[in-house]
């Protein structure tokens, strides 16, 4: 399995709302994540600081993809409740209203999370998308297909039950995972993914290595907008060998 990453925070001097991870989870498994927190700055850093270590812990404890999302969803909801309680106690103790923007924010997270198990014929991939741009699979012949189905953002619905999809990546297949800094890159009133723009761009990458696919998509996204990006951008390419 080969991998390639592009990660470009919009604000080079501050915390990004996008994050990614790719790590060994034991028993020959690898897990990956591409996420996007609602908002930026310190609040985004708090959510990422919760999500990344919990993803690794749950994966290494043997929790499967859908179970990991179930638990992370509840963790974000519980943490938001605790933050709201703390703000209420501070308000009572201080006797003054909280200034706008000082209180706890609702902690929403879009996440694409998956598990990879290499075997003799390729790689078995189990993945799930929670409110995130859907991943695409590129075949050696240029065919492109969607690899998951839409589900609710994390941190929104109490006791939400998530489901996962399993697919086989054959040698030469490439899985593309992106944040909305790719799909929603604007040129006037148009977005990059209008009319399946991302799938068409990916189809033109047939036969390229993971590194060249990542660089080509990055360049096409930048060229599409013309100006400076207005959002963080992250994309991960995973290619079966």
Protein backbone atom coordinates (compact mmCIF):
# COMPACT_ATOMS: atom_id res chain seq x y z
CA UNK A 1 0.00 0.00 0.00
CA UNK A 2 1.32 3.42 -0.94
CA UNK A 3 0.04 6.71 0.46
CA UNK A 4 0.36 10.39 -0.42
CA UNK A 5 -0.90 13.45 1.42
CA UNK A 6 -1.55 17.10 0.70
CA UNK A 7 -2.27 19.29 3.73
CA UNK A 8 -2.60 23.06 3.33
CA UNK A 9 -4.05 25.11 6.21
CA UNK A 10 -5.70 28.31 5.01
CA UNK A 11 -4.25 30.25 7.96
CA UNK A 12 -0.58 29.35 8.08
CA UNK A 13 -0.21 31.00 11.50
CA UNK A 14 -3.15 29.44 13.34
CA UNK A 15 -4.83 26.09 14.06
CA UNK A 16 -6.45 24.38 11.09
CA UNK A 17 -9.93 22.91 11.13
CA UNK A 18 -8.82 20.01 8.91
CA UNK A 19 -6.88 17.02 10.17
CA UNK A 20 -5.71 13.62 8.99
CA UNK A 21 -4.14 10.48 10.41
CA UNK A 22 -2.74 7.18 9.13
CA UNK A 23 -1.48 4.69 11.70
CA UNK A 24 -0.91 0.97 12.39
CA UNK A 25 -3.66 -0.53 14.55
CA UNK A 26 -2.25 -4.02 15.19
CA UNK A 27 -2.96 -7.42 13.65
CA UNK A 28 -1.74 -6.16 10.28
CA UNK A 29 -4.40 -3.44 10.15
CA UNK A 30 -3.88 0.21 9.27
CA UNK A 31 -6.43 2.92 10.01
CA UNK A 32 -6.87 6.30 8.37
CA UNK A 33 -8.91 9.41 9.04
CA UNK A 34 -9.60 12.68 7.26
CA UNK A 35 -11.70 15.15 9.22
CA UNK A 36 -12.98 18.71 9.24
CA UNK A 37 -14.09 20.53 12.38
CA UNK A 38 -16.77 23.19 12.18
CA UNK A 39 -14.95 26.46 12.73
CA UNK A 40 -11.29 27.22 13.24
CA UNK A 41 -8.94 28.50 15.91
CA UNK A 42 -8.82 27.25 19.52
CA UNK A 43 -12.19 25.51 19.43
CA UNK A 44 -11.15 23.49 16.37
CA UNK A 45 -7.91 22.58 18.12
CA UNK A 46 -9.90 21.30 21.12
CA UNK A 47 -12.03 19.00 18.95
CA UNK A 48 -9.04 17.68 17.03
CA UNK A 49 -7.23 17.16 20.33
CA UNK A 50 -10.12 14.96 21.43
CA UNK A 51 -10.72 13.12 18.16
CA UNK A 52 -7.25 12.06 17.07
CA UNK A 53 -6.11 10.25 20.25
CA UNK A 54 -9.53 8.63 20.72
CA UNK A 55 -9.49 7.33 17.16
CA UNK A 56 -6.12 5.71 17.76
CA UNK A 57 -7.10 4.30 21.14
CA UNK A 58 -10.38 2.79 19.93
CA UNK A 59 -8.78 1.32 16.80
CA UNK A 60 -5.97 -0.29 18.78
CA UNK A 61 -8.46 -1.66 21.30
CA UNK A 62 -10.06 -3.57 18.42
CA UNK A 63 -13.20 -1.48 17.86
CA UNK A 64 -14.40 -1.69 14.29
CA UNK A 65 -15.13 1.27 12.05
CA UNK A 66 -18.81 1.83 12.80
CA UNK A 67 -18.29 1.34 16.55
CA UNK A 68 -15.48 3.90 16.54
CA UNK A 69 -17.80 6.51 15.01
CA UNK A 70 -20.57 5.67 17.49
CA UNK A 71 -18.24 6.22 20.43
CA UNK A 72 -16.57 9.32 19.05
CA UNK A 73 -19.98 10.86 18.39
CA UNK A 74 -20.98 10.31 22.01
CA UNK A 75 -17.63 11.62 23.26
CA UNK A 76 -18.11 14.91 21.40
CA UNK A 77 -21.66 15.28 22.70
CA UNK A 78 -20.59 14.53 26.28
CA UNK A 79 -17.68 16.95 26.06
CA UNK A 80 -19.91 19.73 24.73
CA UNK A 81 -22.33 19.13 27.62
CA UNK A 82 -19.51 19.31 30.16
CA UNK A 83 -18.23 22.53 28.59
CA UNK A 84 -21.73 24.05 28.72
CA UNK A 85 -22.09 23.07 32.39
CA UNK A 86 -18.71 24.63 33.20
CA UNK A 87 -19.71 27.85 31.43
CA UNK A 88 -22.99 27.95 33.36
CA UNK A 89 -21.17 27.51 36.68
CA UNK A 90 -18.74 30.29 35.75
CA UNK A 91 -21.65 32.55 34.84
CA UNK A 92 -23.34 31.94 38.18
CA UNK A 93 -20.11 32.47 40.10
CA UNK A 94 -19.17 35.62 38.21
CA UNK A 95 -22.64 37.08 38.07
CA UNK A 96 -22.25 38.48 34.56
CA UNK A 97 -23.24 37.31 31.07
CA UNK A 98 -20.64 35.58 28.96
CA UNK A 99 -19.26 37.76 26.17
CA UNK A 100 -20.18 36.78 22.63
CA UNK A 101 -17.85 34.05 21.42
CA UNK A 102 -16.54 33.25 24.94
CA UNK A 103 -18.90 30.40 25.68
CA UNK A 104 -18.71 26.78 24.56
CA UNK A 105 -19.32 26.11 20.90
CA UNK A 106 -21.26 23.19 19.46
CA UNK A 107 -18.62 20.66 18.47
CA UNK A 108 -19.46 19.24 15.06
CA UNK A 109 -16.99 17.09 13.16
CA UNK A 110 -17.19 15.68 9.66
CA UNK A 111 -15.06 12.56 9.41
CA UNK A 112 -14.04 9.91 6.94
CA UNK A 113 -12.59 6.98 8.85
CA UNK A 114 -11.45 3.59 7.62
CA UNK A 115 -9.52 0.41 8.26
CA UNK A 116 -7.14 -1.27 5.79
CA UNK A 117 -6.19 -4.95 5.88
CA UNK A 118 -3.61 -5.91 3.22
CA UNK A 119 -3.77 -9.46 1.85
CA UNK A 120 -2.33 -11.42 -1.07
CA UNK A 121 -4.86 -10.10 -3.61
CA UNK A 122 -4.92 -6.45 -2.57
CA UNK A 123 -6.33 -4.54 0.39
CA UNK A 124 -9.64 -4.95 2.19
CA UNK A 125 -10.99 -1.52 3.12
CA UNK A 126 -13.81 -0.89 5.59
CA UNK A 127 -14.82 2.75 5.89
CA UNK A 128 -17.57 5.16 6.88
CA UNK A 129 -18.32 8.82 6.22
CA UNK A 130 -19.95 11.02 8.86
CA UNK A 131 -21.07 14.21 7.12
CA UNK A 132 -17.89 14.22 5.04
CA UNK A 133 -17.23 14.40 1.27
CA UNK A 134 -17.52 10.84 0.04
CA UNK A 135 -14.32 9.00 -0.93
CA UNK A 136 -13.71 7.93 -4.52
CA UNK A 137 -12.01 4.83 -5.91
CA UNK A 138 -10.03 5.12 -9.14
CA UNK A 139 -9.43 1.94 -11.14
CA UNK A 140 -6.42 1.39 -13.42
CA UNK A 141 -8.71 1.85 -16.44
CA UNK A 142 -9.88 5.31 -15.31
CA UNK A 143 -13.25 4.25 -13.89
CA UNK A 144 -14.28 6.10 -10.73
CA UNK A 145 -16.83 5.00 -8.16
CA UNK A 146 -18.05 6.29 -4.80
CA UNK A 147 -16.95 4.18 -1.85
CA UNK A 148 -19.32 5.12 1.00
CA UNK A 149 -22.74 6.56 1.72
CA UNK A 150 -23.68 9.84 3.45
CA UNK A 151 -24.30 9.83 7.21
CA UNK A 152 -24.78 12.45 9.92
CA UNK A 153 -22.02 14.71 11.23
CA UNK A 154 -20.44 13.64 14.50
CA UNK A 155 -21.51 15.59 17.58
CA UNK A 156 -25.04 16.33 16.35
CA UNK A 157 -27.43 13.47 17.18
CA UNK A 158 -27.47 11.64 20.51
CA UNK A 159 -27.16 7.83 20.23
CA UNK A 160 -26.71 7.93 16.46
CA UNK A 161 -25.85 4.52 14.99
CA UNK A 162 -23.31 4.56 12.18
CA UNK A 163 -22.72 1.90 9.55
CA UNK A 164 -19.67 1.03 7.45
CA UNK A 165 -19.01 -0.25 3.94
CA UNK A 166 -16.40 -2.84 2.91
CA UNK A 167 -14.70 -2.98 -0.48
CA UNK A 168 -11.69 -4.64 -2.04
CA UNK A 169 -8.90 -2.48 -3.44
CA UNK A 170 -7.15 -4.47 -6.15
CA UNK A 171 -3.57 -3.74 -7.19
CA UNK A 172 -3.59 -0.41 -9.03
CA UNK A 173 -6.79 0.86 -7.36
CA UNK A 174 -6.50 4.24 -5.63
CA UNK A 175 -8.73 5.60 -2.86
CA UNK A 176 -9.05 9.41 -2.73
CA UNK A 177 -10.18 11.08 0.50
CA UNK A 178 -10.62 14.88 0.66
CA UNK A 179 -12.02 17.67 2.81
CA UNK A 180 -14.48 20.27 1.53
CA UNK A 181 -11.58 22.63 0.82
CA UNK A 182 -11.24 20.50 -2.32
CA UNK A 183 -14.87 19.90 -3.29
CA UNK A 184 -16.07 23.45 -2.46
CA UNK A 185 -13.18 25.40 -3.98
CA UNK A 186 -14.91 28.29 -5.77
CA UNK A 187 -14.54 29.98 -9.11
CA UNK A 188 -17.22 32.65 -9.21
CA UNK A 189 -20.53 30.89 -8.60
CA UNK A 190 -19.14 27.44 -9.42
CA UNK A 191 -17.55 24.87 -7.12
CA UNK A 192 -14.84 22.39 -8.07
CA UNK A 193 -17.10 19.37 -7.56
CA UNK A 194 -20.04 20.74 -9.54
CA UNK A 195 -21.04 18.19 -12.18
CA UNK A 196 -18.89 15.51 -10.52
CA UNK A 197 -15.82 17.65 -11.12
CA UNK A 198 -13.68 15.77 -8.61
CA UNK A 199 -14.54 12.39 -10.16
CA UNK A 200 -13.69 13.70 -13.63
CA UNK A 201 -10.39 15.08 -12.39
CA UNK A 202 -9.57 11.79 -10.69
CA UNK A 203 -10.41 9.78 -13.81
CA UNK A 204 -7.69 11.68 -15.62
CA UNK A 205 -5.15 10.38 -13.07
CA UNK A 206 -5.38 6.73 -14.21
CA UNK A 207 -1.99 5.05 -14.26
CA UNK A 208 -0.32 7.60 -11.96
CA UNK A 209 1.35 6.85 -8.64
CA UNK A 210 -0.27 7.92 -5.37
CA UNK A 211 2.13 10.86 -5.13
CA UNK A 212 1.37 12.09 -8.64
CA UNK A 213 -2.39 11.72 -8.14
CA UNK A 214 -2.22 13.83 -4.98
CA UNK A 215 -0.13 16.51 -6.68
CA UNK A 216 -2.32 16.60 -9.79
CA UNK A 217 -5.55 17.00 -7.80
CA UNK A 218 -3.91 19.70 -5.64
CA UNK A 219 -2.82 21.63 -8.73
CA UNK A 220 -6.23 21.31 -10.43
CA UNK A 221 -7.97 22.60 -7.31
CA UNK A 222 -5.64 25.60 -7.07
CA UNK A 223 -5.92 26.36 -10.79
CA UNK A 224 -9.71 26.17 -10.64
CA UNK A 225 -10.02 28.98 -8.10
CA UNK A 226 -7.33 31.28 -9.37
CA UNK A 227 -7.03 33.25 -6.11
CA UNK A 228 -5.86 32.36 -2.63
CA UNK A 229 -7.75 29.46 -0.97
CA UNK A 230 -10.48 30.50 1.48
CA UNK A 231 -10.57 27.17 3.31
CA UNK A 232 -8.19 24.53 4.63
CA UNK A 233 -7.38 21.76 2.18
CA UNK A 234 -6.48 18.15 2.88
CA UNK A 235 -6.41 15.12 0.62
CA UNK A 236 -5.14 11.60 1.13
CA UNK A 237 -4.46 9.03 -1.60
CA UNK A 238 -4.15 5.33 -0.71
CA UNK A 239 -3.06 3.03 -3.52
CA UNK A 240 -3.03 -0.77 -3.46
CA UNK A 241 0.06 -2.43 -4.91
